[in-house]
Amino acid sequence: MLRFLPFLSELDLRHNPLTLGFYAILSQSVDLTRSETSGETIDPSPFLMQHQDKESDEMFQRSMTEDTAVARRCYDILIGEQCPQMAHLDGLVFDIKHKLRHDLIWERMTKLGLLFEAKYTGNSDPTLDS
């Protein structure tokens, strides 16, 4: 589905079955405002989640199991490949180069056969290369 949305620049899929365990639970309070006409307390953005800060996310990632870290990195790489204009993913600034760094998670993904080195022969469609 994402391949049909290459122009997508912001996406937030936190706290659903696909991303369960990838992010810390948000515990920030949301500012509520009062309606001037009725005096009722209303949430100005009931369906928007707060952005996360990089430092808190990095600390949370260090506490993840290796399997969860691999799943999150796969998710990040998939989104980055299908949506090259992605700027914000799940409340964080998205940097595909950072997601493609060769670290322990990358090594684990390679050992599991989740990554491979693409061989291009000049075709515009890499699936045609043998």
N, C-alpha and C. Protein backbone atom coordinates (compact mmCIF):
# COMPACT_ATOMS: atom_id res chain seq x y z
N MET A 1 0.82 -1.19 0.00
CA MET A 1 0.00 0.00 0.00
C MET A 1 0.87 1.26 0.00
N LEU A 2 1.96 1.24 0.76
CA LEU A 2 2.81 2.44 0.85
C LEU A 2 3.44 2.81 -0.49
N ARG A 3 3.65 1.85 -1.36
CA ARG A 3 4.29 2.18 -2.64
C ARG A 3 3.43 3.11 -3.47
N PHE A 4 2.14 3.19 -3.15
CA PHE A 4 1.25 4.10 -3.85
C PHE A 4 1.24 5.49 -3.22
N LEU A 5 2.03 5.68 -2.16
CA LEU A 5 2.08 6.96 -1.45
C LEU A 5 3.52 7.47 -1.34
N PRO A 6 4.27 7.53 -2.44
CA PRO A 6 5.67 7.95 -2.35
C PRO A 6 5.85 9.40 -1.90
N PHE A 7 4.80 10.19 -2.02
CA PHE A 7 4.83 11.61 -1.65
C PHE A 7 4.59 11.83 -0.16
N LEU A 8 4.25 10.78 0.57
CA LEU A 8 3.93 10.89 2.00
C LEU A 8 5.15 11.40 2.77
N SER A 9 4.96 12.44 3.58
CA SER A 9 6.08 13.01 4.32
C SER A 9 5.92 12.90 5.83
N GLU A 10 4.71 12.58 6.29
CA GLU A 10 4.49 12.42 7.73
C GLU A 10 3.48 11.31 7.95
N LEU A 11 3.81 10.41 8.88
CA LEU A 11 2.95 9.27 9.18
C LEU A 11 3.10 8.93 10.65
N ASP A 12 2.00 8.65 11.32
CA ASP A 12 2.06 8.27 12.73
C ASP A 12 1.19 7.04 12.95
N LEU A 13 1.83 5.91 13.16
CA LEU A 13 1.14 4.64 13.39
C LEU A 13 1.41 4.09 14.78
N ARG A 14 1.80 4.96 15.71
CA ARG A 14 2.10 4.50 17.06
C ARG A 14 0.90 3.87 17.74
N HIS A 15 1.21 2.94 18.63
CA HIS A 15 0.23 2.31 19.52
C HIS A 15 -0.90 1.61 18.78
N ASN A 16 -0.53 0.81 17.80
CA ASN A 16 -1.47 -0.08 17.15
C ASN A 16 -0.76 -1.43 17.03
N PRO A 17 -1.43 -2.49 16.64
CA PRO A 17 -0.78 -3.82 16.63
C PRO A 17 0.50 -3.90 15.80
N LEU A 18 0.62 -3.11 14.73
CA LEU A 18 1.82 -3.14 13.89
C LEU A 18 3.05 -2.63 14.63
N THR A 19 2.88 -1.60 15.44
CA THR A 19 4.02 -0.96 16.09
C THR A 19 4.05 -1.18 17.60
N LEU A 20 3.26 -2.10 18.10
CA LEU A 20 3.20 -2.36 19.53
C LEU A 20 4.58 -2.74 20.07
N GLY A 21 5.04 -2.02 21.06
CA GLY A 21 6.34 -2.27 21.66
C GLY A 21 7.49 -1.49 21.05
N PHE A 22 7.24 -0.77 19.96
CA PHE A 22 8.29 0.00 19.30
C PHE A 22 8.57 1.31 20.01
N TYR A 23 7.60 1.84 20.74
CA TYR A 23 7.72 3.16 21.34
C TYR A 23 7.26 3.14 22.79
N ALA A 24 7.82 4.04 23.57
CA ALA A 24 7.41 4.18 24.96
C ALA A 24 5.99 4.73 25.01
N ILE A 25 5.30 4.42 26.09
CA ILE A 25 3.95 4.95 26.29
C ILE A 25 4.07 6.46 26.52
N LEU A 26 3.24 7.22 25.86
CA LEU A 26 3.25 8.67 26.04
C LEU A 26 2.60 9.01 27.37
N SER A 27 3.30 9.76 28.18
CA SER A 27 2.74 10.14 29.48
C SER A 27 2.62 11.65 29.62
N GLN A 28 2.78 12.37 28.52
CA GLN A 28 2.67 13.82 28.57
C GLN A 28 1.20 14.21 28.63
N SER A 29 0.94 15.30 29.33
CA SER A 29 -0.45 15.78 29.37
C SER A 29 -0.72 16.63 28.14
N VAL A 30 -1.95 16.63 27.74
CA VAL A 30 -2.37 17.41 26.58
C VAL A 30 -3.09 18.65 27.10
N ASP A 31 -2.74 19.80 26.55
CA ASP A 31 -3.41 21.04 26.95
C ASP A 31 -4.86 21.02 26.50
N LEU A 32 -5.75 21.29 27.41
CA LEU A 32 -7.17 21.37 27.10
C LEU A 32 -7.59 22.82 27.12
N THR A 33 -8.51 23.17 26.28
CA THR A 33 -9.01 24.55 26.24
C THR A 33 -10.50 24.54 26.53
N ARG A 34 -11.01 25.68 26.90
CA ARG A 34 -12.45 25.82 27.16
C ARG A 34 -13.10 26.52 25.97
N SER A 35 -14.23 26.00 25.59
CA SER A 35 -15.01 26.62 24.52
C SER A 35 -15.53 27.96 25.03
N GLU A 36 -15.37 29.01 24.22
CA GLU A 36 -15.82 30.34 24.65
C GLU A 36 -17.34 30.43 24.75
N THR A 37 -18.04 29.65 23.94
CA THR A 37 -19.50 29.75 23.95
C THR A 37 -20.15 28.89 25.02
N SER A 38 -19.69 27.65 25.17
CA SER A 38 -20.36 26.75 26.12
C SER A 38 -19.62 26.62 27.44
N GLY A 39 -18.35 26.99 27.47
CA GLY A 39 -17.57 26.84 28.69
C GLY A 39 -17.09 25.41 28.92
N GLU A 40 -17.40 24.49 27.99
CA GLU A 40 -16.96 23.10 28.12
C GLU A 40 -15.47 22.98 27.84
N THR A 41 -14.84 22.03 28.52
CA THR A 41 -13.44 21.74 28.24
C THR A 41 -13.38 20.88 26.99
N ILE A 42 -12.58 21.31 26.02
CA ILE A 42 -12.44 20.54 24.79
C ILE A 42 -10.97 20.32 24.49
N ASP A 43 -10.69 19.22 23.86
CA ASP A 43 -9.34 18.92 23.41
C ASP A 43 -9.25 19.40 21.97
N PRO A 44 -8.37 20.35 21.66
CA PRO A 44 -8.31 20.91 20.32
C PRO A 44 -7.87 19.91 19.25
N SER A 45 -7.21 18.84 19.64
CA SER A 45 -6.72 17.87 18.67
C SER A 45 -6.87 16.46 19.23
N PRO A 46 -8.09 15.95 19.30
CA PRO A 46 -8.31 14.67 19.97
C PRO A 46 -7.66 13.47 19.29
N PHE A 47 -7.28 13.60 18.03
CA PHE A 47 -6.71 12.46 17.32
C PHE A 47 -5.23 12.62 17.01
N LEU A 48 -4.60 13.67 17.52
CA LEU A 48 -3.17 13.89 17.30
C LEU A 48 -2.38 13.48 18.52
N MET A 49 -1.25 12.83 18.29
CA MET A 49 -0.38 12.44 19.39
C MET A 49 0.77 13.42 19.48
N GLN A 50 1.32 13.56 20.68
CA GLN A 50 2.46 14.44 20.91
C GLN A 50 3.69 13.90 20.17
N HIS A 51 4.56 14.81 19.73
CA HIS A 51 5.83 14.38 19.15
C HIS A 51 6.70 13.82 20.26
N GLN A 52 7.63 12.95 19.89
CA GLN A 52 8.57 12.38 20.85
C GLN A 52 9.91 13.11 20.72
N ASP A 53 10.71 13.05 21.77
CA ASP A 53 12.04 13.61 21.63
C ASP A 53 13.03 12.47 21.40
N LYS A 54 14.06 12.78 20.64
CA LYS A 54 15.04 11.79 20.20
C LYS A 54 15.72 11.10 21.38
N GLU A 55 16.08 11.86 22.40
CA GLU A 55 16.81 11.30 23.54
C GLU A 55 15.97 10.27 24.29
N SER A 56 14.71 10.57 24.54
CA SER A 56 13.83 9.62 25.22
C SER A 56 13.64 8.37 24.38
N ASP A 57 13.51 8.54 23.07
CA ASP A 57 13.33 7.39 22.19
C ASP A 57 14.58 6.51 22.18
N GLU A 58 15.76 7.14 22.13
CA GLU A 58 17.00 6.36 22.15
C GLU A 58 17.14 5.58 23.45
N MET A 59 16.75 6.19 24.57
CA MET A 59 16.80 5.49 25.85
C MET A 59 15.83 4.30 25.84
N PHE A 60 14.65 4.50 25.29
CA PHE A 60 13.68 3.41 25.20
C PHE A 60 14.21 2.29 24.31
N GLN A 61 14.85 2.64 23.19
CA GLN A 61 15.38 1.62 22.29
C GLN A 61 16.43 0.75 22.96
N ARG A 62 17.20 1.33 23.87
CA ARG A 62 18.22 0.54 24.58
C ARG A 62 17.58 -0.51 25.48
N SER A 63 16.33 -0.30 25.88
CA SER A 63 15.66 -1.27 26.75
C SER A 63 14.87 -2.32 25.96
N MET A 64 14.82 -2.20 24.64
CA MET A 64 14.08 -3.15 23.81
C MET A 64 14.77 -4.50 23.75
N THR A 65 13.98 -5.54 23.53
CA THR A 65 14.59 -6.84 23.24
C THR A 65 15.19 -6.76 21.84
N GLU A 66 16.12 -7.65 21.55
CA GLU A 66 16.76 -7.64 20.24
C GLU A 66 15.74 -7.89 19.13
N ASP A 67 14.81 -8.81 19.37
CA ASP A 67 13.79 -9.11 18.36
C ASP A 67 12.91 -7.90 18.06
N THR A 68 12.54 -7.16 19.10
CA THR A 68 11.72 -5.96 18.90
C THR A 68 12.51 -4.89 18.16
N ALA A 69 13.79 -4.75 18.49
CA ALA A 69 14.64 -3.77 17.81
C ALA A 69 14.78 -4.11 16.32
N VAL A 70 14.92 -5.39 16.01
CA VAL A 70 15.00 -5.83 14.61
C VAL A 70 13.69 -5.53 13.89
N ALA A 71 12.57 -5.83 14.53
CA ALA A 71 11.26 -5.57 13.91
C ALA A 71 11.07 -4.07 13.65
N ARG A 72 11.46 -3.24 14.62
CA ARG A 72 11.31 -1.80 14.43
C ARG A 72 12.20 -1.30 13.30
N ARG A 73 13.42 -1.79 13.23
CA ARG A 73 14.32 -1.35 12.16
C ARG A 73 13.78 -1.78 10.79
N CYS A 74 13.25 -2.99 10.70
CA CYS A 74 12.64 -3.45 9.44
C CYS A 74 11.49 -2.52 9.04
N TYR A 75 10.67 -2.18 10.01
CA TYR A 75 9.54 -1.27 9.79
C TYR A 75 10.05 0.09 9.29
N ASP A 76 11.08 0.63 9.94
CA ASP A 76 11.64 1.92 9.55
C ASP A 76 12.20 1.87 8.13
N ILE A 77 12.94 0.81 7.81
CA ILE A 77 13.55 0.69 6.48
C ILE A 77 12.47 0.55 5.41
N LEU A 78 11.45 -0.25 5.69
CA LEU A 78 10.35 -0.42 4.74
C LEU A 78 9.67 0.91 4.45
N ILE A 79 9.37 1.65 5.48
CA ILE A 79 8.72 2.96 5.30
C ILE A 79 9.64 3.88 4.50
N GLY A 80 10.92 3.91 4.85
CA GLY A 80 11.87 4.79 4.17
C GLY A 80 12.04 4.46 2.70
N GLU A 81 12.03 3.16 2.37
CA GLU A 81 12.18 2.77 0.97
C GLU A 81 10.92 3.08 0.15
N GLN A 82 9.76 2.90 0.74
CA GLN A 82 8.52 3.11 0.02
C GLN A 82 8.09 4.58 -0.03
N CYS A 83 8.53 5.35 0.94
CA CYS A 83 8.14 6.77 1.04
C CYS A 83 9.40 7.63 1.15
N PRO A 84 10.09 7.87 0.04
CA PRO A 84 11.38 8.57 0.09
C PRO A 84 11.30 10.01 0.60
N GLN A 85 10.12 10.60 0.65
CA GLN A 85 9.99 11.96 1.15
C GLN A 85 9.63 12.02 2.63
N MET A 86 9.65 10.87 3.31
CA MET A 86 9.26 10.81 4.72
C MET A 86 10.16 11.72 5.55
N ALA A 87 9.55 12.63 6.30
CA ALA A 87 10.28 13.56 7.16
C ALA A 87 10.02 13.28 8.64
N HIS A 88 8.81 12.82 8.97
CA HIS A 88 8.45 12.50 10.36
C HIS A 88 7.71 11.17 10.38
N LEU A 89 8.20 10.25 11.18
CA LEU A 89 7.55 8.95 11.34
C LEU A 89 7.29 8.71 12.82
N ASP A 90 6.06 8.48 13.16
CA ASP A 90 5.67 8.15 14.52
C ASP A 90 6.16 9.17 15.55
N GLY A 91 6.03 10.43 15.20
CA GLY A 91 6.36 11.51 16.13
C GLY A 91 7.84 11.83 16.23
N LEU A 92 8.66 11.24 15.38
CA LEU A 92 10.10 11.49 15.39
C LEU A 92 10.56 11.98 14.02
N VAL A 93 11.63 12.79 14.01
CA VAL A 93 12.24 13.17 12.74
C VAL A 93 12.79 11.89 12.12
N PHE A 94 12.50 11.68 10.84
CA PHE A 94 12.89 10.45 10.15
C PHE A 94 14.14 10.69 9.33
N ASP A 95 15.16 9.87 9.55
CA ASP A 95 16.43 9.96 8.83
C ASP A 95 16.79 8.57 8.34
N ILE A 96 16.55 8.30 7.06
CA ILE A 96 16.78 6.96 6.52
C ILE A 96 18.25 6.57 6.61
N LYS A 97 19.17 7.52 6.48
CA LYS A 97 20.60 7.18 6.59
C LYS A 97 20.91 6.63 7.97
N HIS A 98 20.28 7.18 8.99
CA HIS A 98 20.48 6.69 10.35
C HIS A 98 19.91 5.27 10.49
N LYS A 99 18.80 5.01 9.83
CA LYS A 99 18.16 3.69 9.89
C LYS A 99 19.00 2.63 9.17
N LEU A 100 19.80 3.05 8.20
CA LEU A 100 20.62 2.12 7.43
C LEU A 100 22.03 1.95 7.99
N ARG A 101 22.28 2.48 9.17
CA ARG A 101 23.61 2.38 9.76
C ARG A 101 23.94 0.91 10.08
N HIS A 102 25.20 0.58 9.96
CA HIS A 102 25.65 -0.79 10.22
C HIS A 102 26.03 -0.90 11.69
N ASP A 103 25.13 -1.41 12.50
CA ASP A 103 25.35 -1.59 13.92
C ASP A 103 24.97 -3.02 14.30
N LEU A 104 24.80 -3.30 15.58
CA LEU A 104 24.46 -4.65 16.03
C LEU A 104 23.11 -5.11 15.47
N ILE A 105 22.16 -4.22 15.40
CA ILE A 105 20.84 -4.59 14.86
C ILE A 105 20.96 -4.93 13.37
N TRP A 106 21.74 -4.15 12.64
CA TRP A 106 21.98 -4.42 11.21
C TRP A 106 22.62 -5.79 11.05
N GLU A 107 23.62 -6.09 11.86
CA GLU A 107 24.28 -7.40 11.79
C GLU A 107 23.30 -8.53 12.06
N ARG A 108 22.44 -8.35 13.06
CA ARG A 108 21.44 -9.36 13.39
C ARG A 108 20.46 -9.55 12.23
N MET A 109 20.06 -8.47 11.60
CA MET A 109 19.15 -8.55 10.46
C MET A 109 19.81 -9.29 9.30
N THR A 110 21.10 -9.06 9.10
CA THR A 110 21.83 -9.75 8.04
C THR A 110 21.91 -11.24 8.33
N LYS A 111 22.23 -11.61 9.57
CA LYS A 111 22.31 -13.02 9.95
C LYS A 111 20.97 -13.73 9.79
N LEU A 112 19.88 -13.01 10.04
CA LEU A 112 18.54 -13.58 9.90
C LEU A 112 18.07 -13.65 8.44
N GLY A 113 18.87 -13.09 7.54
CA GLY A 113 18.50 -13.10 6.12
C GLY A 113 17.48 -12.05 5.74
N LEU A 114 17.34 -11.03 6.56
CA LEU A 114 16.37 -9.98 6.28
C LEU A 114 16.93 -8.91 5.35
N LEU A 115 18.23 -8.87 5.20
CA LEU A 115 18.89 -7.89 4.34
C LEU A 115 19.70 -8.62 3.28
N PHE A 116 19.80 -8.03 2.15
CA PHE A 116 20.65 -8.57 1.10
C PHE A 116 21.24 -7.42 0.31
N GLU A 117 22.34 -7.70 -0.35
CA GLU A 117 22.99 -6.67 -1.16
C GLU A 117 22.37 -6.70 -2.54
N ALA A 118 21.78 -5.61 -2.95
CA ALA A 118 21.13 -5.54 -4.26
C ALA A 118 22.18 -5.50 -5.36
N LYS A 119 21.93 -6.25 -6.41
CA LYS A 119 22.82 -6.25 -7.58
C LYS A 119 22.02 -5.68 -8.74
N TYR A 120 22.45 -4.54 -9.21
CA TYR A 120 21.74 -3.89 -10.30
C TYR A 120 22.53 -4.02 -11.59
N THR A 121 21.83 -4.33 -12.69
CA THR A 121 22.47 -4.44 -13.99
C THR A 121 22.09 -3.27 -14.89
N GLY A 122 21.44 -2.30 -14.32
CA GLY A 122 21.04 -1.14 -15.11
C GLY A 122 19.56 -1.10 -15.42
N ASN A 123 18.84 -2.18 -15.12
CA ASN A 123 17.39 -2.15 -15.33
C ASN A 123 16.76 -1.16 -14.37
N SER A 124 15.70 -0.52 -14.80
CA SER A 124 15.00 0.39 -13.90
C SER A 124 14.23 -0.39 -12.84
N ASP A 125 13.94 -1.66 -13.11
CA ASP A 125 13.23 -2.51 -12.16
C ASP A 125 14.19 -3.56 -11.62
N PRO A 126 14.68 -3.41 -10.36
CA PRO A 126 15.66 -4.35 -9.81
C PRO A 126 15.13 -5.77 -9.70
N THR A 127 13.82 -5.99 -9.76
CA THR A 127 13.30 -7.36 -9.69
C THR A 127 13.60 -8.14 -10.96
N LEU A 128 13.97 -7.43 -12.04
CA LEU A 128 14.31 -8.09 -13.29
C LEU A 128 15.76 -8.56 -13.33
N ASP A 129 16.60 -8.08 -12.40
CA ASP A 129 18.00 -8.47 -12.35
C ASP A 129 18.10 -9.89 -11.83
N SER A 130 19.06 -10.64 -12.34
CA SER A 130 19.24 -12.01 -11.85
C SER A 130 20.59 -12.21 -11.23
